[in-house]
Amino acid sequence: MADKKSYVDVAYDVLKDSYEKNGKKSVPVAFGELLLSVGQNLGINEEEELLKIASKFYTALTMDGRFVIKENNTWVLREHELLDNIHIDMNDVYSEDDEDEDESEKEKGIDKMDEDEEEKTSDSDSEEETEELKDLSGSDDEDENN
């Protein structure tokens, strides 16, 4: 009895075959094409079935160290890429967007301070209302204890 291969194992075979067919040159394969090829190899030809497995398959690819995602959601095998082609420039990761987020967090801090002030004001208003109610009802703590 033959063992059924996992989606990522079949994807590995597909990318390895692509590498061989392209003269041992790494050519990125779009995720959709990779999904279709894996489906064909496993006998899954219905689009609806492929769509059901797409997100799990994508997650499995990202978790498997044998694969590298390139630009425009294309995939290659790590073993066929130079480290320079895989390296992520941290300057690209920490971009101006992060600075915008920092400023936004500072603004949220200011908003939080405003909310705290409102709560303090609201608390003192509640105390005043309680005192007024006591005055209106004609009762206070000393009368209740006697």
N, C-alpha and C. Protein backbone atom coordinates (compact mmCIF):
# COMPACT_ATOMS: atom_id res chain seq x y z
N MET A 1 0.84 -1.18 0.00
CA MET A 1 0.00 0.00 0.00
C MET A 1 0.88 1.25 0.00
N ALA A 2 0.66 2.16 -0.95
CA ALA A 2 1.47 3.38 -1.06
C ALA A 2 0.97 4.43 -0.08
N ASP A 3 1.94 5.12 0.54
CA ASP A 3 1.59 6.20 1.45
C ASP A 3 1.16 7.43 0.65
N LYS A 4 0.11 8.07 1.14
CA LYS A 4 -0.35 9.31 0.50
C LYS A 4 0.53 10.44 0.99
N LYS A 5 1.04 11.23 0.06
CA LYS A 5 1.90 12.36 0.43
C LYS A 5 1.06 13.53 0.91
N SER A 6 1.68 14.35 1.78
CA SER A 6 1.01 15.56 2.25
C SER A 6 1.06 16.62 1.15
N TYR A 7 0.24 17.64 1.32
CA TYR A 7 0.21 18.74 0.35
C TYR A 7 1.59 19.39 0.20
N VAL A 8 2.26 19.62 1.32
CA VAL A 8 3.56 20.29 1.24
C VAL A 8 4.62 19.39 0.63
N ASP A 9 4.53 18.08 0.86
CA ASP A 9 5.48 17.17 0.22
C ASP A 9 5.29 17.15 -1.28
N VAL A 10 4.05 17.20 -1.72
CA VAL A 10 3.76 17.26 -3.15
C VAL A 10 4.24 18.61 -3.71
N ALA A 11 4.03 19.70 -2.95
CA ALA A 11 4.49 21.02 -3.38
C ALA A 11 6.01 21.02 -3.53
N TYR A 12 6.68 20.35 -2.62
CA TYR A 12 8.15 20.23 -2.70
C TYR A 12 8.53 19.55 -4.02
N ASP A 13 7.85 18.44 -4.34
CA ASP A 13 8.13 17.73 -5.59
C ASP A 13 7.86 18.60 -6.81
N VAL A 14 6.76 19.37 -6.76
CA VAL A 14 6.39 20.25 -7.89
C VAL A 14 7.48 21.30 -8.10
N LEU A 15 7.93 21.93 -7.02
CA LEU A 15 8.96 22.97 -7.15
C LEU A 15 10.31 22.38 -7.56
N LYS A 16 10.60 21.19 -7.10
CA LYS A 16 11.85 20.52 -7.48
C LYS A 16 11.82 20.18 -8.97
N ASP A 17 10.67 19.68 -9.46
CA ASP A 17 10.52 19.39 -10.90
C ASP A 17 10.64 20.67 -11.72
N SER A 18 10.04 21.75 -11.25
CA SER A 18 10.12 23.03 -11.94
C SER A 18 11.58 23.49 -12.05
N TYR A 19 12.32 23.30 -10.99
CA TYR A 19 13.75 23.66 -10.96
C TYR A 19 14.51 22.86 -12.02
N GLU A 20 14.24 21.57 -12.07
CA GLU A 20 14.92 20.70 -13.04
C GLU A 20 14.55 21.08 -14.47
N LYS A 21 13.27 21.33 -14.71
CA LYS A 21 12.79 21.65 -16.06
C LYS A 21 13.32 22.99 -16.55
N ASN A 22 13.66 23.89 -15.63
CA ASN A 22 14.17 25.22 -16.00
C ASN A 22 15.69 25.26 -16.02
N GLY A 23 16.29 24.13 -16.26
CA GLY A 23 17.75 24.08 -16.37
C GLY A 23 18.44 24.35 -15.06
N LYS A 24 17.90 23.80 -14.00
CA LYS A 24 18.42 23.97 -12.64
C LYS A 24 18.53 25.44 -12.26
N LYS A 25 17.47 26.15 -12.65
CA LYS A 25 17.35 27.56 -12.31
C LYS A 25 16.08 27.72 -11.48
N SER A 26 16.21 28.46 -10.37
CA SER A 26 15.07 28.67 -9.49
C SER A 26 14.12 29.70 -10.10
N VAL A 27 12.93 29.26 -10.43
CA VAL A 27 11.90 30.14 -10.99
C VAL A 27 10.72 30.13 -10.03
N PRO A 28 10.41 31.29 -9.43
CA PRO A 28 9.29 31.34 -8.49
C PRO A 28 7.97 30.94 -9.14
N VAL A 29 7.17 30.19 -8.37
CA VAL A 29 5.87 29.72 -8.84
C VAL A 29 4.79 30.41 -8.01
N ALA A 30 3.80 30.97 -8.69
CA ALA A 30 2.70 31.66 -8.01
C ALA A 30 1.94 30.65 -7.14
N PHE A 31 1.44 31.13 -6.00
CA PHE A 31 0.73 30.26 -5.08
C PHE A 31 -0.44 29.54 -5.75
N GLY A 32 -1.22 30.26 -6.55
CA GLY A 32 -2.36 29.65 -7.24
C GLY A 32 -1.93 28.51 -8.16
N GLU A 33 -0.86 28.72 -8.91
CA GLU A 33 -0.35 27.68 -9.80
C GLU A 33 0.15 26.48 -8.99
N LEU A 34 0.81 26.76 -7.89
CA LEU A 34 1.32 25.69 -7.03
C LEU A 34 0.17 24.88 -6.45
N LEU A 35 -0.86 25.57 -6.00
CA LEU A 35 -2.05 24.90 -5.46
C LEU A 35 -2.70 24.01 -6.52
N LEU A 36 -2.83 24.52 -7.74
CA LEU A 36 -3.42 23.73 -8.83
C LEU A 36 -2.58 22.49 -9.14
N SER A 37 -1.26 22.66 -9.18
CA SER A 37 -0.37 21.53 -9.46
C SER A 37 -0.45 20.48 -8.37
N VAL A 38 -0.48 20.92 -7.12
CA VAL A 38 -0.59 19.99 -6.00
C VAL A 38 -1.92 19.25 -6.09
N GLY A 39 -2.99 19.99 -6.38
CA GLY A 39 -4.30 19.37 -6.53
C GLY A 39 -4.31 18.31 -7.62
N GLN A 40 -3.72 18.63 -8.78
CA GLN A 40 -3.67 17.67 -9.89
C GLN A 40 -2.91 16.41 -9.49
N ASN A 41 -1.79 16.60 -8.79
CA ASN A 41 -0.98 15.45 -8.36
C ASN A 41 -1.72 14.57 -7.34
N LEU A 42 -2.60 15.16 -6.58
CA LEU A 42 -3.34 14.41 -5.57
C LEU A 42 -4.73 13.98 -6.05
N GLY A 43 -5.04 14.33 -7.31
CA GLY A 43 -6.32 13.94 -7.89
C GLY A 43 -7.48 14.83 -7.47
N ILE A 44 -7.16 16.04 -7.03
CA ILE A 44 -8.20 17.00 -6.66
C ILE A 44 -8.34 17.98 -7.82
N ASN A 45 -9.42 17.84 -8.55
CA ASN A 45 -9.60 18.67 -9.74
C ASN A 45 -10.70 19.71 -9.59
N GLU A 46 -11.50 19.59 -8.55
CA GLU A 46 -12.59 20.54 -8.36
C GLU A 46 -12.07 21.80 -7.65
N GLU A 47 -12.41 22.93 -8.24
CA GLU A 47 -11.96 24.21 -7.70
C GLU A 47 -12.45 24.43 -6.27
N GLU A 48 -13.67 24.02 -5.99
CA GLU A 48 -14.24 24.19 -4.66
C GLU A 48 -13.42 23.44 -3.60
N GLU A 49 -13.00 22.24 -3.94
CA GLU A 49 -12.17 21.44 -3.02
C GLU A 49 -10.83 22.13 -2.78
N LEU A 50 -10.23 22.66 -3.84
CA LEU A 50 -8.95 23.34 -3.72
C LEU A 50 -9.08 24.60 -2.86
N LEU A 51 -10.17 25.32 -3.03
CA LEU A 51 -10.38 26.52 -2.22
C LEU A 51 -10.53 26.19 -0.74
N LYS A 52 -11.11 25.03 -0.45
CA LYS A 52 -11.27 24.61 0.94
C LYS A 52 -9.92 24.36 1.62
N ILE A 53 -8.95 23.86 0.85
CA ILE A 53 -7.65 23.55 1.45
C ILE A 53 -6.64 24.68 1.31
N ALA A 54 -6.97 25.71 0.55
CA ALA A 54 -6.00 26.76 0.21
C ALA A 54 -5.38 27.41 1.44
N SER A 55 -6.18 27.81 2.42
CA SER A 55 -5.61 28.53 3.57
C SER A 55 -4.74 27.62 4.43
N LYS A 56 -5.16 26.37 4.61
CA LYS A 56 -4.34 25.44 5.38
C LYS A 56 -3.04 25.12 4.64
N PHE A 57 -3.15 24.98 3.34
CA PHE A 57 -1.97 24.71 2.52
C PHE A 57 -0.99 25.89 2.59
N TYR A 58 -1.52 27.10 2.49
CA TYR A 58 -0.68 28.30 2.57
C TYR A 58 0.04 28.36 3.92
N THR A 59 -0.69 28.10 4.99
CA THR A 59 -0.10 28.12 6.32
C THR A 59 0.98 27.05 6.44
N ALA A 60 0.70 25.86 5.91
CA ALA A 60 1.68 24.78 5.97
C ALA A 60 2.95 25.14 5.21
N LEU A 61 2.81 25.81 4.07
CA LEU A 61 3.99 26.25 3.30
C LEU A 61 4.84 27.24 4.11
N THR A 62 4.16 28.19 4.74
CA THR A 62 4.91 29.21 5.49
C THR A 62 5.60 28.61 6.71
N MET A 63 5.04 27.54 7.27
CA MET A 63 5.61 26.92 8.45
C MET A 63 6.74 25.95 8.11
N ASP A 64 6.77 25.47 6.89
CA ASP A 64 7.76 24.47 6.47
C ASP A 64 9.02 25.19 6.00
N GLY A 65 10.12 24.91 6.63
CA GLY A 65 11.39 25.58 6.34
C GLY A 65 11.98 25.30 4.97
N ARG A 66 11.41 24.36 4.24
CA ARG A 66 11.94 24.05 2.91
C ARG A 66 11.53 25.07 1.85
N PHE A 67 10.54 25.90 2.17
CA PHE A 67 9.98 26.83 1.19
C PHE A 67 10.31 28.27 1.55
N VAL A 68 10.41 29.10 0.52
CA VAL A 68 10.65 30.53 0.69
C VAL A 68 9.62 31.28 -0.13
N ILE A 69 8.97 32.24 0.51
CA ILE A 69 8.04 33.09 -0.23
C ILE A 69 8.84 34.25 -0.82
N LYS A 70 8.56 34.54 -2.06
CA LYS A 70 9.22 35.65 -2.75
C LYS A 70 8.19 36.74 -3.00
N GLU A 71 8.55 37.72 -3.82
CA GLU A 71 7.61 38.81 -4.10
C GLU A 71 6.39 38.29 -4.84
N ASN A 72 5.29 39.00 -4.68
CA ASN A 72 4.02 38.71 -5.36
C ASN A 72 3.48 37.31 -5.07
N ASN A 73 3.68 36.85 -3.83
CA ASN A 73 3.15 35.56 -3.38
C ASN A 73 3.59 34.41 -4.28
N THR A 74 4.88 34.41 -4.63
CA THR A 74 5.46 33.31 -5.38
C THR A 74 6.38 32.52 -4.45
N TRP A 75 6.60 31.26 -4.79
CA TRP A 75 7.31 30.34 -3.91
C TRP A 75 8.45 29.64 -4.62
N VAL A 76 9.52 29.39 -3.88
CA VAL A 76 10.66 28.61 -4.37
C VAL A 76 11.13 27.71 -3.22
N LEU A 77 12.02 26.79 -3.56
CA LEU A 77 12.62 25.95 -2.52
C LEU A 77 13.83 26.68 -1.94
N ARG A 78 13.95 26.64 -0.64
CA ARG A 78 15.05 27.29 0.06
C ARG A 78 16.40 26.78 -0.46
N GLU A 79 16.47 25.49 -0.73
CA GLU A 79 17.74 24.89 -1.15
C GLU A 79 18.22 25.41 -2.51
N HIS A 80 17.33 26.04 -3.27
CA HIS A 80 17.70 26.55 -4.59
C HIS A 80 17.94 28.06 -4.59
N GLU A 81 17.91 28.66 -3.44
CA GLU A 81 18.10 30.11 -3.34
C GLU A 81 19.38 30.44 -2.60
N LEU A 82 20.04 31.49 -3.04
CA LEU A 82 21.19 32.01 -2.31
C LEU A 82 20.69 32.74 -1.08
N LEU A 83 21.48 32.74 -0.05
CA LEU A 83 21.10 33.43 1.19
C LEU A 83 20.80 34.90 0.92
N ASP A 84 21.55 35.52 0.03
CA ASP A 84 21.33 36.94 -0.30
C ASP A 84 19.94 37.16 -0.89
N ASN A 85 19.40 36.15 -1.57
CA ASN A 85 18.07 36.27 -2.17
C ASN A 85 16.95 36.03 -1.16
N ILE A 86 17.30 35.45 -0.03
CA ILE A 86 16.31 35.14 1.00
C ILE A 86 16.31 36.19 2.09
N HIS A 87 17.45 36.80 2.29
CA HIS A 87 17.62 37.76 3.39
C HIS A 87 16.60 38.88 3.33
N ILE A 88 16.04 39.20 4.48
CA ILE A 88 15.08 40.30 4.57
C ILE A 88 15.80 41.51 5.14
N ASP A 89 15.75 42.60 4.41
CA ASP A 89 16.37 43.84 4.89
C ASP A 89 15.48 44.42 5.98
N MET A 90 16.04 44.52 7.18
CA MET A 90 15.24 44.99 8.32
C MET A 90 14.80 46.44 8.16
N ASN A 91 15.49 47.20 7.33
CA ASN A 91 15.05 48.57 7.05
C ASN A 91 13.71 48.56 6.31
N ASP A 92 13.50 47.51 5.50
CA ASP A 92 12.21 47.39 4.82
C ASP A 92 11.12 46.98 5.79
N VAL A 93 11.49 46.19 6.80
CA VAL A 93 10.52 45.73 7.79
C VAL A 93 10.09 46.88 8.68
N TYR A 94 11.05 47.65 9.14
CA TYR A 94 10.75 48.80 10.00
C TYR A 94 10.72 50.05 9.15
N SER A 95 9.57 50.31 8.59
CA SER A 95 9.43 51.41 7.65
C SER A 95 8.74 52.60 8.30
N GLU A 96 8.36 53.53 7.47
CA GLU A 96 7.66 54.72 7.94
C GLU A 96 6.32 54.36 8.56
N ASP A 97 5.73 53.25 8.15
CA ASP A 97 4.46 52.81 8.71
C ASP A 97 4.58 52.61 10.21
N ASP A 98 5.73 52.06 10.65
CA ASP A 98 5.94 51.84 12.08
C ASP A 98 5.99 53.17 12.82
N GLU A 99 6.58 54.18 12.20
CA GLU A 99 6.63 55.50 12.83
C GLU A 99 5.22 56.07 12.97
N ASP A 100 4.40 55.85 11.94
CA ASP A 100 3.01 56.30 12.01
C ASP A 100 2.28 55.60 13.15
N GLU A 101 2.55 54.29 13.34
CA GLU A 101 1.92 53.54 14.42
C GLU A 101 2.35 54.10 15.78
N ASP A 102 3.66 54.44 15.89
CA ASP A 102 4.16 55.00 17.15
C ASP A 102 3.43 56.30 17.48
N GLU A 103 3.27 57.15 16.47
CA GLU A 103 2.58 58.42 16.69
C GLU A 103 1.12 58.16 17.08
N SER A 104 0.51 57.18 16.44
CA SER A 104 -0.87 56.83 16.75
C SER A 104 -1.00 56.36 18.19
N GLU A 105 -0.02 55.56 18.65
CA GLU A 105 -0.05 55.08 20.03
C GLU A 105 0.10 56.24 21.00
N LYS A 106 0.94 57.21 20.65
CA LYS A 106 1.10 58.38 21.52
C LYS A 106 -0.23 59.13 21.62
N GLU A 107 -0.91 59.26 20.46
CA GLU A 107 -2.20 59.95 20.47
C GLU A 107 -3.20 59.19 21.33
N LYS A 108 -3.15 57.86 21.26
CA LYS A 108 -4.04 57.05 22.09
C LYS A 108 -3.74 57.28 23.55
N GLY A 109 -2.46 57.47 23.88
CA GLY A 109 -2.08 57.76 25.26
C GLY A 109 -2.69 59.07 25.73
N ILE A 110 -2.71 60.05 24.85
CA ILE A 110 -3.32 61.34 25.18
C ILE A 110 -4.82 61.14 25.37
N ASP A 111 -5.44 60.36 24.47
CA ASP A 111 -6.87 60.07 24.60
C ASP A 111 -7.14 59.35 25.91
N LYS A 112 -6.27 58.45 26.29
CA LYS A 112 -6.44 57.71 27.53
C LYS A 112 -6.38 58.66 28.72
N MET A 113 -5.46 59.63 28.66
CA MET A 113 -5.37 60.60 29.74
C MET A 113 -6.66 61.40 29.82
N ASP A 114 -7.23 61.78 28.69
CA ASP A 114 -8.48 62.51 28.66
C ASP A 114 -9.60 61.67 29.29
N GLU A 115 -9.62 60.37 28.96
CA GLU A 115 -10.64 59.49 29.53
C GLU A 115 -10.50 59.40 31.05
N ASP A 116 -9.25 59.31 31.53
CA ASP A 116 -9.00 59.25 32.97
C ASP A 116 -9.52 60.51 33.65
N GLU A 117 -9.30 61.66 33.03
CA GLU A 117 -9.78 62.92 33.59
C GLU A 117 -11.31 62.93 33.65
N GLU A 118 -11.94 62.41 32.58
CA GLU A 118 -13.40 62.35 32.55
C GLU A 118 -13.92 61.45 33.66
N GLU A 119 -13.23 60.32 33.90
CA GLU A 119 -13.64 59.41 34.96
C GLU A 119 -13.54 60.08 36.32
N LYS A 120 -12.46 60.82 36.54
CA LYS A 120 -12.29 61.52 37.82
C LYS A 120 -13.42 62.52 38.02
N THR A 121 -13.73 63.27 36.96
CA THR A 121 -14.80 64.25 37.02
C THR A 121 -16.12 63.54 37.28
N SER A 122 -16.33 62.43 36.59
CA SER A 122 -17.55 61.67 36.75
C SER A 122 -17.66 61.12 38.17
N ASP A 123 -16.55 60.67 38.77
CA ASP A 123 -16.55 60.17 40.14
C ASP A 123 -16.92 61.27 41.13
N SER A 124 -16.36 62.45 40.95
CA SER A 124 -16.67 63.55 41.87
C SER A 124 -18.12 63.98 41.70
N ASP A 125 -18.65 63.93 40.47
CA ASP A 125 -20.06 64.24 40.25
C ASP A 125 -20.94 63.24 40.99
N SER A 126 -20.55 61.96 40.98
CA SER A 126 -21.31 60.93 41.67
C SER A 126 -21.34 61.19 43.17
N GLU A 127 -20.21 61.61 43.72
CA GLU A 127 -20.15 61.90 45.16
C GLU A 127 -21.08 63.06 45.50
N GLU A 128 -21.06 64.10 44.64
CA GLU A 128 -21.94 65.24 44.87
C GLU A 128 -23.40 64.83 44.80
N GLU A 129 -23.74 63.97 43.82
CA GLU A 129 -25.12 63.49 43.67
C GLU A 129 -25.54 62.69 44.90
N THR A 130 -24.63 61.88 45.43
CA THR A 130 -24.93 61.08 46.62
C THR A 130 -25.23 61.99 47.81
N GLU A 131 -24.41 63.02 47.96
CA GLU A 131 -24.63 63.98 49.05
C GLU A 131 -25.97 64.68 48.88
N GLU A 132 -26.29 65.06 47.65
CA GLU A 132 -27.57 65.73 47.40
C GLU A 132 -28.73 64.81 47.72
N LEU A 133 -28.61 63.54 47.35
CA LEU A 133 -29.67 62.57 47.64
C LEU A 133 -29.85 62.41 49.15
N LYS A 134 -28.74 62.39 49.88
CA LYS A 134 -28.83 62.28 51.34
C LYS A 134 -29.57 63.49 51.90
N ASP A 135 -29.21 64.65 51.39
CA ASP A 135 -29.87 65.87 51.86
C ASP A 135 -31.36 65.84 51.54
N LEU A 136 -31.70 65.38 50.33
CA LEU A 136 -33.10 65.34 49.92
C LEU A 136 -33.90 64.31 50.71
N SER A 137 -33.26 63.19 51.00
CA SER A 137 -34.00 62.14 51.72
C SER A 137 -34.03 62.41 53.21
N GLY A 138 -33.19 63.34 53.66
CA GLY A 138 -33.15 63.69 55.06
C GLY A 138 -32.42 62.67 55.91
N SER A 139 -31.66 61.77 55.27
CA SER A 139 -30.92 60.78 56.06
C SER A 139 -29.44 60.95 55.82
N ASP A 140 -28.68 60.60 56.85
CA ASP A 140 -27.24 60.51 56.68
C ASP A 140 -26.77 59.33 57.51
N ASP A 141 -25.50 59.03 57.48
CA ASP A 141 -24.96 57.84 58.13
C ASP A 141 -25.20 57.86 59.63
N GLU A 142 -25.11 59.03 60.25
CA GLU A 142 -25.25 59.10 61.70
C GLU A 142 -26.69 58.74 62.11
N ASP A 143 -27.69 59.17 61.32
CA ASP A 143 -29.08 58.88 61.64
C ASP A 143 -29.35 57.38 61.49
N GLU A 144 -28.73 56.73 60.50
CA GLU A 144 -28.95 55.32 60.28
C GLU A 144 -28.40 54.50 61.42
N ASN A 145 -27.28 54.94 62.01
CA ASN A 145 -26.65 54.19 63.10
C ASN A 145 -27.39 54.37 64.40
N ASN A 146 -28.16 55.41 64.61
CA ASN A 146 -28.86 55.68 65.88
C ASN A 146 -30.24 55.12 65.90
